[in-house]
Protein backbone atom coordinates (compact mmCIF):
# COMPACT_ATOMS: atom_id res chain seq x y z
CA MET A 1 180.29 13.25 95.36
CA ALA A 2 182.80 15.94 94.41
CA VAL A 3 183.55 16.82 90.79
CA GLN A 4 187.23 16.58 90.02
CA PRO A 5 189.00 19.61 88.48
CA ARG A 6 190.37 17.47 85.65
CA THR A 7 186.81 16.55 84.54
CA ILE A 8 185.78 20.23 84.51
CA THR A 9 188.83 21.14 82.41
CA GLN A 10 188.09 18.38 79.91
CA ALA A 11 184.46 19.47 79.66
CA ALA A 12 185.52 23.09 79.07
CA ILE A 13 187.94 22.07 76.31
CA CYS A 14 185.24 19.95 74.61
CA ALA A 15 182.73 22.82 74.80
CA LEU A 16 185.26 25.24 73.28
CA ALA A 17 186.06 22.80 70.46
CA LEU A 18 182.35 22.36 69.67
CA ALA A 19 181.81 26.12 69.67
CA LEU A 20 184.64 26.62 67.20
CA CYS A 21 183.36 23.84 64.93
CA ALA A 22 179.87 25.31 64.97
CA ALA A 23 181.03 28.71 63.70
CA PRO A 24 179.08 29.76 60.59
CA ALA A 25 180.66 28.87 57.28
CA THR A 26 181.34 31.68 54.83
CA ALA A 27 180.40 29.86 51.63
CA ALA A 28 179.06 31.73 48.63
CA LEU A 29 175.37 31.54 47.87
CA TYR A 30 174.21 31.59 44.25
CA LYS A 31 170.86 32.74 42.88
CA TRP A 32 169.69 32.11 39.32
CA THR A 33 166.56 31.41 37.28
CA ASP A 34 166.35 28.00 35.63
CA ALA A 35 164.85 27.18 32.21
CA SER A 36 161.33 26.77 33.66
CA GLY A 37 161.44 30.22 35.30
CA ARG A 38 161.92 28.95 38.84
CA VAL A 39 164.29 30.95 41.07
CA VAL A 40 166.98 28.67 42.50
CA TYR A 41 169.20 29.29 45.54
CA SER A 42 172.21 26.99 45.95
CA ASP A 43 175.68 26.78 47.42
CA GLN A 44 176.84 25.24 44.13
CA PRO A 45 177.30 27.36 40.99
CA PRO A 46 174.71 26.79 38.27
CA PRO A 47 175.47 24.55 35.31
CA GLY A 48 175.99 26.07 31.85
CA ASN A 49 175.66 29.68 30.74
CA VAL A 50 173.14 31.04 33.18
CA LYS A 51 173.04 34.57 34.55
CA VAL A 52 173.96 34.10 38.19
CA GLU A 53 173.97 36.45 41.14
CA THR A 54 176.30 35.77 44.06
CA LEU A 55 174.72 36.55 47.41
CA GLN A 56 176.22 36.96 50.85
CA GLY A 57 174.32 35.47 53.75
CA PRO A 58 171.39 33.04 53.85
CA PRO A 59 168.61 32.93 51.23
CA PRO A 60 165.45 34.90 51.90
CA VAL A 61 163.16 33.36 54.49
CA ALA A 62 159.92 31.87 53.21
CA ASN A 63 156.64 33.34 54.41
CA PRO A 64 156.05 31.68 57.80
CA ASN A 65 152.31 32.26 57.49
CA ALA A 66 152.00 30.72 54.02
CA VAL A 67 150.25 27.55 55.22
CA LYS A 68 147.91 29.52 57.46
CA ASP A 69 147.13 31.99 54.65
CA LEU A 70 146.41 29.15 52.24
CA ALA A 71 144.14 27.42 54.78
CA ASN A 72 142.23 30.68 55.37
CA LYS A 73 141.76 31.23 51.62
CA GLU A 74 140.54 27.66 51.21
CA MET A 75 138.11 28.07 54.11
CA GLU A 76 136.74 31.31 52.62
CA PHE A 77 136.34 29.62 49.23
CA LYS A 78 134.43 26.69 50.76
CA GLN A 79 132.26 29.10 52.75
CA ARG A 80 131.30 30.94 49.53
CA GLN A 81 130.53 27.60 47.83
CA LEU A 82 128.28 26.53 50.72
CA GLU A 83 126.46 29.89 50.77
CA LYS A 84 125.55 29.36 47.10
CA ILE A 85 123.72 26.11 47.85
CA GLU A 86 122.22 27.07 51.22
CA THR A 87 118.49 26.41 51.55
CA ASP A 88 115.86 27.36 54.12
CA GLY A 89 114.42 23.92 54.74
CA MET A 90 115.75 20.46 55.39
CA PRO A 91 116.45 18.79 52.02
CA PHE A 92 115.81 15.27 53.35
CA ASP A 93 112.68 13.14 53.53
CA PRO A 94 110.51 14.65 56.33
CA GLU A 95 109.51 11.14 57.46
CA TYR A 96 113.11 10.53 58.52
CA PRO A 97 114.36 13.76 60.06
CA PRO A 98 117.90 13.72 61.41
CA LYS A 99 118.02 13.45 65.18
CA LYS A 100 120.09 15.60 67.45
CA GLY A 101 123.03 13.58 68.74
CA ARG A 102 123.24 12.56 72.37
CA TRP A 103 126.30 14.77 72.96
CA SER A 104 125.34 17.62 70.65
CA LYS A 105 125.56 21.09 72.18
CA ARG A 106 123.57 22.87 69.49
CA SER A 107 119.99 23.89 70.09
CA THR A 108 117.25 22.22 68.08
CA GLY A 109 116.37 24.25 65.00
CA SER A 110 119.73 26.01 64.76
CA GLU A 111 120.85 23.97 61.74
CA ARG A 112 121.91 25.56 58.47
CA TRP A 113 121.01 23.36 55.53
CA VAL A 114 122.62 23.10 52.11
CA LEU A 115 121.41 21.20 49.09
CA PRO A 116 123.07 17.78 48.86
CA THR A 117 125.06 18.36 45.68
CA THR A 118 128.51 17.09 46.59
CA VAL A 119 129.67 13.73 47.88
CA CYS A 120 132.47 12.97 50.27
CA GLU A 121 133.88 9.57 51.01
CA ALA A 122 134.35 8.52 54.61
CA THR A 123 135.10 5.33 56.46
CA PHE A 124 133.57 4.54 59.82
CA ALA A 125 133.41 1.75 62.37
CA GLU A 126 129.64 1.16 62.47
CA TRP A 127 126.18 2.69 62.57
CA THR A 128 124.93 3.61 66.04
CA ARG A 129 121.45 2.71 67.28
CA ASP A 130 120.29 6.28 66.74
CA GLY A 131 121.46 6.33 63.10
CA HIS A 132 124.82 8.10 63.38
CA ILE A 133 128.17 6.82 62.19
CA ARG A 134 130.78 5.88 64.79
CA HIS A 135 134.43 6.96 64.42
CA PRO A 136 134.14 8.56 60.97
CA SER A 137 137.29 9.37 59.00
CA PHE A 138 137.17 11.74 56.02
CA LYS A 139 138.82 10.27 52.91
CA GLY A 140 138.13 12.91 50.29
CA MET A 141 135.61 14.46 47.92
CA ARG A 142 134.04 12.32 45.19
CA ARG A 143 133.54 14.26 41.99
CA ASP A 144 132.73 11.10 40.00
CA LYS A 145 129.51 10.28 41.87
CA PRO A 146 126.32 12.37 41.91
CA ALA A 147 124.72 13.01 45.30
CA SER A 148 121.46 11.47 44.09
CA ALA A 149 123.22 8.09 43.74
CA VAL A 150 124.29 7.89 47.39
CA ARG A 151 122.48 5.40 49.62
CA ARG A 152 123.04 4.34 53.22
CA GLU A 153 125.26 1.30 53.58
CA ALA A 154 123.77 -1.63 55.41
């Protein structure tokens, strides 16, 4: 099936029109500090008597690694918190030691134990025959409940 020259010409005209419409706008960009001390960038002038700076070009780019940096800082903080409550032995009743899971890749005795001082809330589908929870989903930390009050659900 041959493409007709008229169709190619129409496509070229449409592409040229779109390229011209997509040209960057040369609107002014305003920068000012609001009453709460927050720096504001806008294409609209600020209301009232505010010291404003007119900028040319786009506003400064945010730190692209901000989320990653925050996650790393949070991980380091949690690591320090866990190191404070680390203990040499298992803090649970020795009559009921936790069993290594069927799919676990860790070697027996390689556990690092911490004192049970914090409580997290999780939902799960059911208890397995070997005492593990199936399909757990972390809901959040519980600061209102002491760890000593936690019991296994039936």
